[in-house]
C-alpha cells in the first residue's frame, strides 16, 4: 500500500509541476513519518523514498538511530525549543522551523561543535494564526539578516503552513504570498543561494496547489502512510 501511495503522490507531483511549466525533479517529497513505526518507514525506503520529516525529537532519535546505515535525509519539521537544539543539530540534516534568532544561535553553536554544515528554513506564520509558530512575514527579513550576520547556518528558504481548510483552494493565496515574500527577500540576498530559494509548503490535502504556487518541497504524511492513530 505504501508503494502504491508513493507512486500516486509522485504522479500528482509531476502533474502539478507540468501545469505550471516546471519539472517534477524541481519538487522534493518529504515523507512525514511522525507516529509511524519503523516497518512502515522501511517500506517507504524500499519503494525509493529517502527524505523523511519528523516532529518529535525523542521519537525521531529512535528511528534515525535504527536506520543510521541507510542513506537518508532527515528534516525536523516540529516546533523546536532552544534547550533541544543540540540533539536536533546532531540528528537532523535540515531544520525547517527556525523562527527566532535564539534558536538559530543555539543550532549554530552546536553545528559548529559538530563540524556540521546545517541547513535550515525560516518558518513564516503566513496565516498570522496565534496558535501557530513562525515569524510574521514583515519580520522575516530582519530575522534572516541576523542569521546571516551571526551564524554559519545555510538558509535554504522559507517554510509555511496555511490556515486549515477543507478546500485546498483556500490555501492558494497563502502559498502565493509566501512565494512572493521569498522572491522579495531573494532580492535582498539573504539566502544561501538567492538564485535557487527553496519553499517548503503544502501537505497531504493541498500539496498540488502548493506546487502550482512554487513549492519546491512538500511535506506529505497521511496521503502516503494513512491516517495516524
N, C-alpha and C. Protein backbone atom coordinates (compact mmCIF):
# COMPACT_ATOMS: atom_id res chain seq x y z
N UNK A 1 0.83 -1.21 0.00
CA UNK A 1 0.00 0.00 0.00
C UNK A 1 0.86 1.26 0.00
N UNK A 2 1.94 1.27 0.80
CA UNK A 2 2.80 2.45 0.85
C UNK A 2 3.41 2.74 -0.52
N UNK A 3 3.84 1.70 -1.22
CA UNK A 3 4.43 1.90 -2.55
C UNK A 3 3.40 2.45 -3.52
N UNK A 4 2.18 1.93 -3.46
CA UNK A 4 1.11 2.43 -4.34
C UNK A 4 0.84 3.90 -4.05
N UNK A 5 0.77 4.25 -2.77
CA UNK A 5 0.53 5.65 -2.40
C UNK A 5 1.67 6.55 -2.86
N UNK A 6 2.89 6.05 -2.73
CA UNK A 6 4.05 6.83 -3.16
C UNK A 6 4.00 7.07 -4.66
N UNK A 7 3.64 6.07 -5.42
CA UNK A 7 3.54 6.24 -6.87
C UNK A 7 2.47 7.26 -7.23
N UNK A 8 1.35 7.20 -6.53
CA UNK A 8 0.27 8.17 -6.78
C UNK A 8 0.73 9.59 -6.49
N UNK A 9 1.40 9.78 -5.35
CA UNK A 9 1.89 11.11 -4.98
C UNK A 9 2.90 11.61 -6.00
N UNK A 10 3.80 10.75 -6.42
CA UNK A 10 4.81 11.15 -7.41
C UNK A 10 4.16 11.54 -8.73
N UNK A 11 3.11 10.83 -9.14
CA UNK A 11 2.38 11.19 -10.36
C UNK A 11 1.69 12.54 -10.19
N UNK A 12 1.09 12.76 -9.01
CA UNK A 12 0.43 14.04 -8.75
C UNK A 12 1.42 15.19 -8.74
N UNK A 13 2.59 14.95 -8.17
CA UNK A 13 3.64 15.98 -8.18
C UNK A 13 4.02 16.33 -9.61
N UNK A 14 4.19 15.32 -10.44
CA UNK A 14 4.56 15.55 -11.84
C UNK A 14 3.47 16.32 -12.58
N UNK A 15 2.21 15.97 -12.33
CA UNK A 15 1.09 16.66 -12.98
C UNK A 15 1.03 18.12 -12.56
N UNK A 16 1.14 18.37 -11.26
CA UNK A 16 1.08 19.75 -10.77
C UNK A 16 2.25 20.57 -11.29
N UNK A 17 3.42 19.97 -11.33
CA UNK A 17 4.60 20.68 -11.84
C UNK A 17 4.42 20.99 -13.33
N UNK A 18 3.90 20.03 -14.08
CA UNK A 18 3.70 20.23 -15.51
C UNK A 18 2.73 21.37 -15.79
N UNK A 19 1.69 21.48 -14.94
CA UNK A 19 0.69 22.53 -15.14
C UNK A 19 1.27 23.93 -15.04
N UNK A 20 2.37 24.07 -14.29
CA UNK A 20 2.97 25.40 -14.15
C UNK A 20 4.34 25.47 -14.83
N UNK A 21 4.57 24.56 -15.76
CA UNK A 21 5.77 24.64 -16.59
C UNK A 21 7.04 24.27 -15.87
N UNK A 22 6.94 23.41 -14.88
CA UNK A 22 8.11 23.00 -14.11
C UNK A 22 8.36 21.51 -14.30
N UNK A 23 9.56 21.10 -13.94
CA UNK A 23 9.90 19.69 -13.95
C UNK A 23 9.54 19.06 -12.62
N UNK A 24 9.13 17.79 -12.66
CA UNK A 24 8.85 17.08 -11.41
C UNK A 24 10.08 17.01 -10.53
N UNK A 25 11.25 17.05 -11.15
CA UNK A 25 12.50 16.99 -10.38
C UNK A 25 12.74 18.24 -9.55
N UNK A 26 11.97 19.30 -9.83
CA UNK A 26 12.14 20.54 -9.07
C UNK A 26 11.40 20.50 -7.73
N UNK A 27 10.68 19.41 -7.47
CA UNK A 27 9.90 19.27 -6.24
C UNK A 27 10.38 18.04 -5.48
N UNK A 28 10.69 18.23 -4.21
CA UNK A 28 11.15 17.12 -3.36
C UNK A 28 10.04 16.73 -2.39
N UNK A 29 9.80 15.44 -2.31
CA UNK A 29 8.80 14.92 -1.37
C UNK A 29 9.47 14.61 -0.04
N UNK A 30 8.98 15.26 1.02
CA UNK A 30 9.39 14.94 2.37
C UNK A 30 8.30 14.07 2.99
N UNK A 31 8.63 12.81 3.23
CA UNK A 31 7.66 11.87 3.79
C UNK A 31 7.56 12.08 5.29
N UNK A 32 6.42 12.55 5.76
CA UNK A 32 6.24 12.87 7.17
C UNK A 32 5.89 11.58 7.91
N UNK A 33 6.86 11.09 8.67
CA UNK A 33 6.76 9.76 9.27
C UNK A 33 6.48 9.80 10.77
N UNK A 34 6.07 10.94 11.29
CA UNK A 34 5.77 11.01 12.73
C UNK A 34 4.65 10.03 13.07
N UNK A 35 4.77 9.41 14.24
CA UNK A 35 3.79 8.46 14.74
C UNK A 35 3.67 7.21 13.88
N UNK A 36 4.65 6.99 13.00
CA UNK A 36 4.67 5.77 12.19
C UNK A 36 5.85 4.91 12.62
N UNK A 37 5.65 3.60 12.64
CA UNK A 37 6.71 2.73 13.14
C UNK A 37 7.74 2.44 12.07
N UNK A 38 8.81 1.80 12.49
CA UNK A 38 9.94 1.54 11.59
C UNK A 38 9.55 0.70 10.39
N UNK A 39 8.68 -0.25 10.59
CA UNK A 39 8.29 -1.13 9.49
C UNK A 39 7.70 -0.35 8.33
N UNK A 40 6.84 0.60 8.66
CA UNK A 40 6.20 1.41 7.63
C UNK A 40 7.23 2.29 6.92
N UNK A 41 8.14 2.87 7.69
CA UNK A 41 9.20 3.70 7.10
C UNK A 41 10.09 2.86 6.19
N UNK A 42 10.42 1.66 6.63
CA UNK A 42 11.26 0.78 5.82
C UNK A 42 10.56 0.39 4.52
N UNK A 43 9.25 0.27 4.56
CA UNK A 43 8.50 0.01 3.32
C UNK A 43 8.69 1.17 2.34
N UNK A 44 8.58 2.38 2.86
CA UNK A 44 8.77 3.55 2.00
C UNK A 44 10.18 3.60 1.45
N UNK A 45 11.17 3.26 2.27
CA UNK A 45 12.56 3.24 1.82
C UNK A 45 12.73 2.22 0.69
N UNK A 46 12.11 1.06 0.86
CA UNK A 46 12.21 0.01 -0.17
C UNK A 46 11.57 0.44 -1.48
N UNK A 47 10.65 1.40 -1.41
CA UNK A 47 10.00 1.93 -2.62
C UNK A 47 10.77 3.10 -3.23
N UNK A 48 11.87 3.50 -2.58
CA UNK A 48 12.72 4.55 -3.13
C UNK A 48 12.71 5.87 -2.41
N UNK A 49 11.89 6.01 -1.36
CA UNK A 49 11.83 7.27 -0.63
C UNK A 49 13.05 7.41 0.28
N UNK A 50 13.68 8.59 0.25
CA UNK A 50 14.91 8.79 1.04
C UNK A 50 14.86 10.00 1.96
N UNK A 51 13.84 10.84 1.83
CA UNK A 51 13.75 12.06 2.62
C UNK A 51 12.54 11.95 3.55
N UNK A 52 12.79 12.12 4.84
CA UNK A 52 11.74 11.94 5.83
C UNK A 52 11.68 13.14 6.77
N UNK A 53 10.48 13.44 7.25
CA UNK A 53 10.28 14.54 8.19
C UNK A 53 9.71 14.04 9.49
N UNK A 54 10.25 14.54 10.59
CA UNK A 54 9.79 14.15 11.92
C UNK A 54 9.51 15.40 12.75
N UNK A 55 8.53 15.26 13.66
CA UNK A 55 8.12 16.38 14.50
C UNK A 55 8.63 16.31 15.93
N UNK A 56 8.91 15.10 16.42
CA UNK A 56 9.20 14.92 17.84
C UNK A 56 10.59 14.31 18.00
N UNK A 57 11.43 14.97 18.79
CA UNK A 57 12.83 14.60 18.86
C UNK A 57 13.06 13.21 19.45
N UNK A 58 12.37 12.87 20.53
CA UNK A 58 12.61 11.58 21.17
C UNK A 58 12.22 10.44 20.23
N UNK A 59 11.08 10.58 19.58
CA UNK A 59 10.63 9.58 18.61
C UNK A 59 11.60 9.50 17.43
N UNK A 60 12.02 10.66 16.95
CA UNK A 60 12.92 10.70 15.80
C UNK A 60 14.27 10.06 16.11
N UNK A 61 14.76 10.28 17.32
CA UNK A 61 16.07 9.74 17.69
C UNK A 61 16.08 8.22 17.56
N UNK A 62 15.02 7.58 18.01
CA UNK A 62 14.94 6.12 17.93
C UNK A 62 14.96 5.65 16.48
N UNK A 63 14.22 6.34 15.63
CA UNK A 63 14.15 5.94 14.22
C UNK A 63 15.46 6.21 13.49
N UNK A 64 16.01 7.39 13.68
CA UNK A 64 17.23 7.75 12.98
C UNK A 64 18.39 6.86 13.40
N UNK A 65 18.44 6.53 14.67
CA UNK A 65 19.48 5.62 15.16
C UNK A 65 19.32 4.24 14.55
N UNK A 66 18.09 3.74 14.50
CA UNK A 66 17.83 2.41 13.94
C UNK A 66 18.13 2.34 12.45
N UNK A 67 18.00 3.47 11.76
CA UNK A 67 18.17 3.49 10.31
C UNK A 67 19.45 4.19 9.89
N UNK A 68 20.41 4.29 10.79
CA UNK A 68 21.61 5.08 10.54
C UNK A 68 22.45 4.55 9.39
N UNK A 69 22.31 3.28 9.05
CA UNK A 69 23.08 2.71 7.94
C UNK A 69 22.44 2.97 6.58
N UNK A 70 21.24 3.53 6.58
CA UNK A 70 20.56 3.88 5.34
C UNK A 70 21.00 5.27 4.90
N UNK A 71 21.02 5.49 3.60
CA UNK A 71 21.37 6.81 3.07
C UNK A 71 20.10 7.66 2.99
N UNK A 72 19.76 8.26 4.13
CA UNK A 72 18.53 9.03 4.24
C UNK A 72 18.83 10.47 4.60
N UNK A 73 17.87 11.33 4.31
CA UNK A 73 17.95 12.74 4.71
C UNK A 73 16.78 13.02 5.63
N UNK A 74 17.08 13.55 6.81
CA UNK A 74 16.06 13.78 7.83
C UNK A 74 15.82 15.27 8.03
N UNK A 75 14.54 15.66 7.94
CA UNK A 75 14.12 17.04 8.17
C UNK A 75 13.37 17.12 9.49
N UNK A 76 13.71 18.09 10.32
CA UNK A 76 12.92 18.35 11.52
C UNK A 76 11.87 19.39 11.17
N UNK A 77 10.59 19.04 11.39
CA UNK A 77 9.51 19.93 10.97
C UNK A 77 8.59 20.31 12.13
N UNK A 78 9.01 20.01 13.36
CA UNK A 78 8.23 20.37 14.53
C UNK A 78 8.76 21.64 15.19
N UNK A 79 8.03 22.11 16.18
CA UNK A 79 8.48 23.29 16.94
C UNK A 79 9.71 22.91 17.77
N UNK A 80 10.71 23.75 17.73
CA UNK A 80 11.97 23.45 18.41
C UNK A 80 12.23 24.45 19.53
N UNK A 81 12.53 23.92 20.71
CA UNK A 81 12.93 24.76 21.84
C UNK A 81 14.45 24.83 21.88
N UNK A 82 14.98 25.95 22.34
CA UNK A 82 16.42 26.16 22.30
C UNK A 82 17.19 25.12 23.12
N UNK A 83 16.58 24.62 24.21
CA UNK A 83 17.28 23.63 25.02
C UNK A 83 17.31 22.25 24.35
N UNK A 84 16.65 22.10 23.23
CA UNK A 84 16.69 20.85 22.45
C UNK A 84 17.51 21.01 21.17
N UNK A 85 18.17 22.14 21.03
CA UNK A 85 18.89 22.43 19.78
C UNK A 85 20.05 21.47 19.56
N UNK A 86 20.71 21.06 20.63
CA UNK A 86 21.87 20.18 20.46
C UNK A 86 21.47 18.86 19.82
N UNK A 87 20.44 18.22 20.36
CA UNK A 87 20.02 16.93 19.81
C UNK A 87 19.48 17.08 18.40
N UNK A 88 18.79 18.19 18.14
CA UNK A 88 18.28 18.44 16.78
C UNK A 88 19.43 18.59 15.79
N UNK A 89 20.46 19.32 16.18
CA UNK A 89 21.62 19.51 15.31
C UNK A 89 22.35 18.20 15.07
N UNK A 90 22.39 17.35 16.07
CA UNK A 90 23.05 16.05 15.93
C UNK A 90 22.28 15.12 14.99
N UNK A 91 20.96 15.09 15.14
CA UNK A 91 20.16 14.10 14.44
C UNK A 91 19.82 14.47 13.00
N UNK A 92 19.53 15.75 12.77
CA UNK A 92 18.88 16.13 11.52
C UNK A 92 19.84 16.80 10.53
N UNK A 93 19.51 16.62 9.26
CA UNK A 93 20.26 17.27 8.18
C UNK A 93 19.71 18.66 7.88
N UNK A 94 18.40 18.81 8.08
CA UNK A 94 17.71 20.07 7.78
C UNK A 94 16.74 20.38 8.91
N UNK A 95 16.76 21.63 9.37
CA UNK A 95 15.78 22.11 10.36
C UNK A 95 14.87 23.10 9.65
N UNK A 96 13.58 22.78 9.56
CA UNK A 96 12.67 23.62 8.77
C UNK A 96 11.94 24.67 9.59
N UNK A 97 12.18 24.71 10.89
CA UNK A 97 11.31 25.52 11.75
C UNK A 97 12.06 26.56 12.57
N UNK A 98 13.03 27.21 11.98
CA UNK A 98 13.74 28.29 12.66
C UNK A 98 12.88 29.55 12.58
N UNK A 99 12.45 30.05 13.72
CA UNK A 99 11.59 31.23 13.73
C UNK A 99 12.04 32.30 14.72
N UNK A 100 13.21 32.08 15.36
CA UNK A 100 13.73 33.05 16.32
C UNK A 100 15.25 33.03 16.25
N UNK A 101 15.85 34.15 16.49
CA UNK A 101 17.32 34.21 16.43
C UNK A 101 17.91 33.37 17.55
N UNK A 102 17.23 33.24 18.68
CA UNK A 102 17.73 32.41 19.78
C UNK A 102 17.91 30.96 19.31
N UNK A 103 16.96 30.45 18.57
CA UNK A 103 17.05 29.08 18.04
C UNK A 103 18.20 28.98 17.05
N UNK A 104 18.31 29.98 16.16
CA UNK A 104 19.38 29.95 15.17
C UNK A 104 20.75 29.95 15.83
N UNK A 105 20.93 30.79 16.84
CA UNK A 105 22.22 30.83 17.55
C UNK A 105 22.54 29.50 18.22
N UNK A 106 21.53 28.90 18.84
CA UNK A 106 21.76 27.63 19.52
C UNK A 106 22.11 26.52 18.52
N UNK A 107 21.38 26.45 17.43
CA UNK A 107 21.68 25.45 16.40
C UNK A 107 23.08 25.66 15.83
N UNK A 108 23.42 26.90 15.59
CA UNK A 108 24.73 27.20 15.03
C UNK A 108 25.85 26.80 15.98
N UNK A 109 25.68 27.09 17.25
CA UNK A 109 26.70 26.75 18.24
C UNK A 109 26.97 25.24 18.25
N UNK A 110 25.91 24.46 18.20
CA UNK A 110 26.07 23.01 18.24
C UNK A 110 26.56 22.48 16.90
N UNK A 111 26.12 23.06 15.80
CA UNK A 111 26.59 22.62 14.49
C UNK A 111 28.09 22.87 14.34
N UNK A 112 28.55 24.01 14.83
CA UNK A 112 30.00 24.30 14.78
C UNK A 112 30.77 23.28 15.61
N UNK A 113 30.26 22.97 16.78
CA UNK A 113 30.93 21.98 17.63
C UNK A 113 30.98 20.61 16.98
N UNK A 114 29.95 20.31 16.19
CA UNK A 114 29.88 19.02 15.49
C UNK A 114 30.60 19.06 14.14
N UNK A 115 31.09 20.23 13.76
CA UNK A 115 31.69 20.43 12.44
C UNK A 115 30.72 19.99 11.35
N UNK A 116 29.49 20.48 11.48
CA UNK A 116 28.39 20.06 10.61
C UNK A 116 27.83 21.24 9.83
N UNK A 117 27.62 21.04 8.54
CA UNK A 117 27.03 22.06 7.68
C UNK A 117 25.51 21.92 7.78
N UNK A 118 24.91 22.66 8.70
CA UNK A 118 23.49 22.50 8.98
C UNK A 118 22.66 23.42 8.09
N UNK A 119 21.68 22.83 7.43
CA UNK A 119 20.80 23.58 6.55
C UNK A 119 19.47 23.86 7.26
N UNK A 120 18.92 25.03 7.03
CA UNK A 120 17.70 25.42 7.74
C UNK A 120 16.75 26.16 6.80
N UNK A 121 15.49 26.20 7.23
CA UNK A 121 14.47 27.08 6.65
C UNK A 121 14.00 28.03 7.74
N UNK A 122 13.58 29.20 7.35
CA UNK A 122 12.91 30.11 8.27
C UNK A 122 11.41 29.86 8.15
N UNK A 123 10.78 29.57 9.28
CA UNK A 123 9.34 29.31 9.29
C UNK A 123 8.59 30.64 9.40
N UNK A 124 7.64 30.81 8.48
CA UNK A 124 6.85 32.04 8.42
C UNK A 124 5.40 31.71 8.77
N UNK A 125 4.82 32.48 9.65
CA UNK A 125 3.40 32.31 10.02
C UNK A 125 2.56 33.03 8.97
N UNK A 126 2.33 32.34 7.85
CA UNK A 126 1.71 33.00 6.70
C UNK A 126 0.24 33.32 6.94
N UNK A 127 -0.40 32.60 7.88
CA UNK A 127 -1.80 32.88 8.17
C UNK A 127 -1.99 33.79 9.36
N UNK A 128 -0.88 34.22 9.99
CA UNK A 128 -0.92 35.09 11.17
C UNK A 128 -1.82 34.50 12.26
N UNK A 129 -1.68 33.19 12.47
CA UNK A 129 -2.50 32.50 13.45
C UNK A 129 -1.81 32.47 14.81
N UNK A 130 -2.54 32.82 15.84
CA UNK A 130 -1.96 32.89 17.18
C UNK A 130 -1.48 31.53 17.68
N UNK A 131 -2.13 30.46 17.25
CA UNK A 131 -1.78 29.13 17.75
C UNK A 131 -0.63 28.49 16.99
N UNK A 132 -0.13 29.15 15.96
CA UNK A 132 0.96 28.58 15.18
C UNK A 132 2.25 29.35 15.40
N UNK A 133 3.36 28.64 15.24
CA UNK A 133 4.66 29.25 15.37
C UNK A 133 5.09 29.83 14.02
N UNK A 134 6.17 30.59 14.06
CA UNK A 134 6.68 31.19 12.84
C UNK A 134 6.81 32.69 12.97
N UNK A 135 7.76 33.24 12.28
CA UNK A 135 7.95 34.68 12.26
C UNK A 135 6.89 35.30 11.36
N UNK A 136 6.41 36.49 11.70
CA UNK A 136 5.44 37.17 10.85
C UNK A 136 6.13 37.59 9.54
N UNK A 137 5.39 37.62 8.45
CA UNK A 137 6.01 37.94 7.15
C UNK A 137 6.83 39.22 7.16
N UNK A 138 6.34 40.26 7.83
CA UNK A 138 7.04 41.55 7.83
C UNK A 138 8.31 41.52 8.68
N UNK A 139 8.47 40.48 9.50
CA UNK A 139 9.66 40.37 10.35
C UNK A 139 10.68 39.36 9.82
N UNK A 140 10.35 38.72 8.71
CA UNK A 140 11.23 37.66 8.19
C UNK A 140 12.58 38.21 7.74
N UNK A 141 12.59 39.36 7.11
CA UNK A 141 13.85 39.92 6.62
C UNK A 141 14.81 40.19 7.78
N UNK A 142 14.31 40.79 8.84
CA UNK A 142 15.17 41.10 9.98
C UNK A 142 15.78 39.82 10.56
N UNK A 143 14.97 38.76 10.68
CA UNK A 143 15.49 37.50 11.21
C UNK A 143 16.55 36.92 10.28
N UNK A 144 16.31 36.95 8.99
CA UNK A 144 17.27 36.41 8.03
C UNK A 144 18.59 37.18 8.07
N UNK A 145 18.51 38.48 8.19
CA UNK A 145 19.73 39.29 8.27
C UNK A 145 20.53 38.91 9.51
N UNK A 146 19.84 38.73 10.64
CA UNK A 146 20.54 38.35 11.87
C UNK A 146 21.17 36.97 11.75
N UNK A 147 20.46 36.03 11.15
CA UNK A 147 21.01 34.68 10.98
C UNK A 147 22.27 34.73 10.13
N UNK A 148 22.23 35.50 9.06
CA UNK A 148 23.40 35.62 8.19
C UNK A 148 24.57 36.31 8.89
N UNK A 149 24.25 37.28 9.71
CA UNK A 149 25.29 38.07 10.38
C UNK A 149 25.93 37.29 11.53
N UNK A 150 25.13 36.51 12.24
CA UNK A 150 25.60 35.93 13.49
C UNK A 150 25.89 34.43 13.45
N UNK A 151 25.50 33.75 12.37
CA UNK A 151 25.67 32.29 12.34
C UNK A 151 26.26 31.84 11.01
N UNK A 152 26.61 30.56 10.99
CA UNK A 152 27.08 29.92 9.76
C UNK A 152 26.02 28.99 9.17
N UNK A 153 24.81 29.09 9.65
CA UNK A 153 23.73 28.25 9.14
C UNK A 153 23.47 28.57 7.66
N UNK A 154 23.15 27.53 6.92
CA UNK A 154 22.84 27.69 5.50
C UNK A 154 21.33 27.77 5.34
N UNK A 155 20.82 28.97 5.09
CA UNK A 155 19.37 29.16 4.99
C UNK A 155 18.93 28.86 3.56
N UNK A 156 18.19 27.77 3.41
CA UNK A 156 17.76 27.33 2.08
C UNK A 156 16.57 28.11 1.57
N UNK A 157 15.68 28.51 2.48
CA UNK A 157 14.48 29.20 2.04
C UNK A 157 13.48 29.38 3.16
N UNK A 158 12.19 29.37 2.79
CA UNK A 158 11.11 29.62 3.74
C UNK A 158 10.20 28.40 3.83
N UNK A 159 9.59 28.24 5.01
CA UNK A 159 8.61 27.18 5.25
C UNK A 159 7.35 27.82 5.81
N UNK A 160 6.19 27.30 5.42
CA UNK A 160 4.96 27.85 5.95
C UNK A 160 3.80 26.87 5.85
N UNK A 161 2.78 27.11 6.70
CA UNK A 161 1.56 26.31 6.71
C UNK A 161 0.36 27.26 6.68
N UNK A 162 -0.54 27.09 5.73
CA UNK A 162 -1.73 27.95 5.68
C UNK A 162 -2.73 27.56 6.76
N UNK A 163 -3.70 28.41 7.02
CA UNK A 163 -4.78 28.02 7.95
C UNK A 163 -5.51 26.79 7.43
N UNK A 164 -5.99 25.97 8.35
CA UNK A 164 -6.69 24.74 7.96
C UNK A 164 -7.98 25.07 7.22
N UNK A 165 -8.24 24.28 6.17
CA UNK A 165 -9.49 24.39 5.44
C UNK A 165 -9.77 23.06 4.75
N UNK A 166 -11.03 22.75 4.55
CA UNK A 166 -11.41 21.55 3.82
C UNK A 166 -11.20 21.70 2.32
N UNK A 167 -11.05 22.93 1.86
CA UNK A 167 -10.88 23.20 0.44
C UNK A 167 -9.43 23.59 0.16
N UNK A 168 -8.69 22.78 -0.59
CA UNK A 168 -7.29 23.11 -0.89
C UNK A 168 -7.12 24.46 -1.56
N UNK A 169 -8.12 24.91 -2.29
CA UNK A 169 -8.01 26.20 -2.98
C UNK A 169 -7.91 27.36 -2.00
N UNK A 170 -8.42 27.17 -0.79
CA UNK A 170 -8.33 28.23 0.21
C UNK A 170 -6.88 28.52 0.59
N UNK A 171 -6.01 27.53 0.39
CA UNK A 171 -4.59 27.71 0.74
C UNK A 171 -3.81 28.45 -0.32
N UNK A 172 -4.37 28.57 -1.50
CA UNK A 172 -3.61 29.10 -2.64
C UNK A 172 -3.05 30.48 -2.38
N UNK A 173 -3.85 31.37 -1.83
CA UNK A 173 -3.37 32.75 -1.65
C UNK A 173 -2.23 32.81 -0.64
N UNK A 174 -2.25 31.92 0.34
CA UNK A 174 -1.16 31.91 1.33
C UNK A 174 0.13 31.39 0.71
N UNK A 175 0.02 30.36 -0.11
CA UNK A 175 1.20 29.86 -0.81
C UNK A 175 1.76 30.92 -1.74
N UNK A 176 0.86 31.61 -2.43
CA UNK A 176 1.30 32.67 -3.36
C UNK A 176 2.01 33.79 -2.61
N UNK A 177 1.48 34.15 -1.45
CA UNK A 177 2.11 35.21 -0.66
C UNK A 177 3.48 34.79 -0.16
N UNK A 178 3.64 33.52 0.21
CA UNK A 178 4.95 33.06 0.67
C UNK A 178 5.95 33.06 -0.47
N UNK A 179 5.50 32.68 -1.65
CA UNK A 179 6.37 32.72 -2.83
C UNK A 179 6.78 34.16 -3.14
N UNK A 180 5.84 35.08 -3.07
CA UNK A 180 6.15 36.49 -3.33
C UNK A 180 7.13 37.03 -2.29
N UNK A 181 6.94 36.62 -1.04
CA UNK A 181 7.87 37.04 0.02
C UNK A 181 9.27 36.50 -0.26
N UNK A 182 9.36 35.25 -0.65
CA UNK A 182 10.68 34.66 -0.92
C UNK A 182 11.37 35.37 -2.08
N UNK A 183 10.59 35.76 -3.08
CA UNK A 183 11.17 36.48 -4.22
C UNK A 183 11.71 37.84 -3.78
N UNK A 184 10.94 38.53 -2.94
CA UNK A 184 11.40 39.84 -2.46
C UNK A 184 12.66 39.69 -1.62
N UNK A 185 12.68 38.69 -0.76
CA UNK A 185 13.83 38.51 0.12
C UNK A 185 15.06 38.03 -0.65
N UNK A 186 14.85 37.26 -1.70
CA UNK A 186 15.98 36.85 -2.54
C UNK A 186 16.66 38.07 -3.14
N UNK A 187 15.85 39.10 -3.46
CA UNK A 187 16.42 40.34 -3.97
C UNK A 187 17.27 41.06 -2.95
N UNK A 188 17.07 40.74 -1.67
CA UNK A 188 17.87 41.33 -0.59
C UNK A 188 19.11 40.48 -0.28
N UNK A 189 19.26 39.37 -1.00
CA UNK A 189 20.45 38.50 -0.86
C UNK A 189 20.58 37.94 0.56
N UNK A 190 19.50 37.37 1.08
CA UNK A 190 19.54 36.89 2.46
C UNK A 190 19.55 35.36 2.57
N UNK A 191 19.53 34.66 1.43
CA UNK A 191 19.53 33.21 1.45
C UNK A 191 20.90 32.67 1.04
N UNK A 192 21.10 31.38 1.29
CA UNK A 192 22.38 30.76 0.93
C UNK A 192 22.59 30.79 -0.58
N UNK A 193 21.52 30.58 -1.34
CA UNK A 193 21.57 30.66 -2.80
C UNK A 193 20.35 31.44 -3.25
N UNK A 194 20.54 32.71 -3.55
CA UNK A 194 19.42 33.58 -3.88
C UNK A 194 18.89 33.37 -5.29
N UNK A 195 19.55 32.50 -6.06
CA UNK A 195 19.04 32.13 -7.38
C UNK A 195 18.24 30.84 -7.33
N UNK A 196 18.24 30.18 -6.19
CA UNK A 196 17.54 28.91 -6.04
C UNK A 196 16.97 28.79 -4.64
N UNK A 197 16.03 29.65 -4.32
CA UNK A 197 15.42 29.69 -2.99
C UNK A 197 14.39 28.56 -2.88
N UNK A 198 14.47 27.81 -1.78
CA UNK A 198 13.57 26.69 -1.58
C UNK A 198 12.33 27.14 -0.80
N UNK A 199 11.20 26.52 -1.15
CA UNK A 199 9.93 26.80 -0.46
C UNK A 199 9.32 25.50 0.01
N UNK A 200 9.24 25.31 1.32
CA UNK A 200 8.62 24.13 1.90
C UNK A 200 7.19 24.49 2.28
N UNK A 201 6.26 24.06 1.46
CA UNK A 201 4.85 24.37 1.71
C UNK A 201 3.98 23.35 0.98
N UNK A 202 2.87 23.01 1.63
CA UNK A 202 1.97 22.02 1.07
C UNK A 202 2.08 20.70 1.81
N UNK A 203 0.90 20.17 2.19
CA UNK A 203 0.83 18.89 2.88
C UNK A 203 -0.17 17.98 2.14
N UNK A 204 -0.61 16.92 2.78
CA UNK A 204 -1.39 15.90 2.07
C UNK A 204 -2.59 16.47 1.33
N UNK A 205 -3.30 17.40 1.94
CA UNK A 205 -4.54 17.89 1.36
C UNK A 205 -4.34 18.92 0.26
N UNK A 206 -3.20 19.61 0.27
CA UNK A 206 -3.07 20.76 -0.63
C UNK A 206 -1.72 20.84 -1.35
N UNK A 207 -0.97 19.73 -1.39
CA UNK A 207 0.38 19.83 -1.96
C UNK A 207 0.39 20.14 -3.44
N UNK A 208 -0.67 19.74 -4.17
CA UNK A 208 -0.69 20.05 -5.60
C UNK A 208 -0.88 21.55 -5.83
N UNK A 209 -1.73 22.17 -5.03
CA UNK A 209 -1.90 23.63 -5.10
C UNK A 209 -0.59 24.32 -4.74
N UNK A 210 0.08 23.82 -3.71
CA UNK A 210 1.35 24.41 -3.29
C UNK A 210 2.39 24.36 -4.40
N UNK A 211 2.45 23.25 -5.11
CA UNK A 211 3.41 23.12 -6.22
C UNK A 211 3.08 24.13 -7.31
N UNK A 212 1.81 24.28 -7.61
CA UNK A 212 1.40 25.25 -8.63
C UNK A 212 1.80 26.67 -8.26
N UNK A 213 1.93 26.92 -6.96
CA UNK A 213 2.30 28.26 -6.49
C UNK A 213 3.78 28.38 -6.14
N UNK A 214 4.58 27.34 -6.44
CA UNK A 214 6.03 27.48 -6.30
C UNK A 214 6.72 26.62 -5.29
N UNK A 215 6.02 25.70 -4.64
CA UNK A 215 6.67 24.83 -3.65
C UNK A 215 7.78 24.02 -4.29
N UNK A 216 8.90 23.91 -3.58
CA UNK A 216 9.98 23.03 -4.02
C UNK A 216 10.11 21.82 -3.10
N UNK A 217 9.48 21.88 -1.92
CA UNK A 217 9.35 20.74 -1.02
C UNK A 217 7.91 20.64 -0.58
N UNK A 218 7.37 19.43 -0.56
CA UNK A 218 6.04 19.22 0.00
C UNK A 218 6.16 18.18 1.11
N UNK A 219 5.45 18.42 2.20
CA UNK A 219 5.55 17.57 3.39
C UNK A 219 4.29 16.71 3.49
N UNK A 220 4.39 15.46 3.09
CA UNK A 220 3.20 14.61 2.95
C UNK A 220 3.30 13.41 3.88
N UNK A 221 2.29 13.25 4.73
CA UNK A 221 2.27 12.13 5.65
C UNK A 221 1.05 11.24 5.44
N UNK A 222 -0.14 11.77 5.70
CA UNK A 222 -1.36 10.98 5.64
C UNK A 222 -1.60 10.35 4.27
N UNK A 223 -1.39 11.11 3.21
CA UNK A 223 -1.61 10.58 1.87
C UNK A 223 -0.65 9.45 1.53
N UNK A 224 0.49 9.41 2.20
CA UNK A 224 1.48 8.37 1.96
C UNK A 224 1.30 7.18 2.90
N UNK A 225 1.20 7.45 4.19
CA UNK A 225 1.19 6.40 5.20
C UNK A 225 -0.19 6.05 5.75
N UNK A 226 -1.20 6.84 5.42
CA UNK A 226 -2.50 6.64 6.01
C UNK A 226 -2.66 7.47 7.28
N UNK A 227 -3.85 7.49 7.80
CA UNK A 227 -4.13 8.30 9.00
C UNK A 227 -3.40 7.73 10.21
N UNK A 228 -3.00 8.66 11.09
CA UNK A 228 -2.29 8.25 12.29
C UNK A 228 -3.30 7.87 13.38
N UNK A 229 -2.88 6.96 14.24
CA UNK A 229 -3.74 6.56 15.37
C UNK A 229 -3.90 7.74 16.31
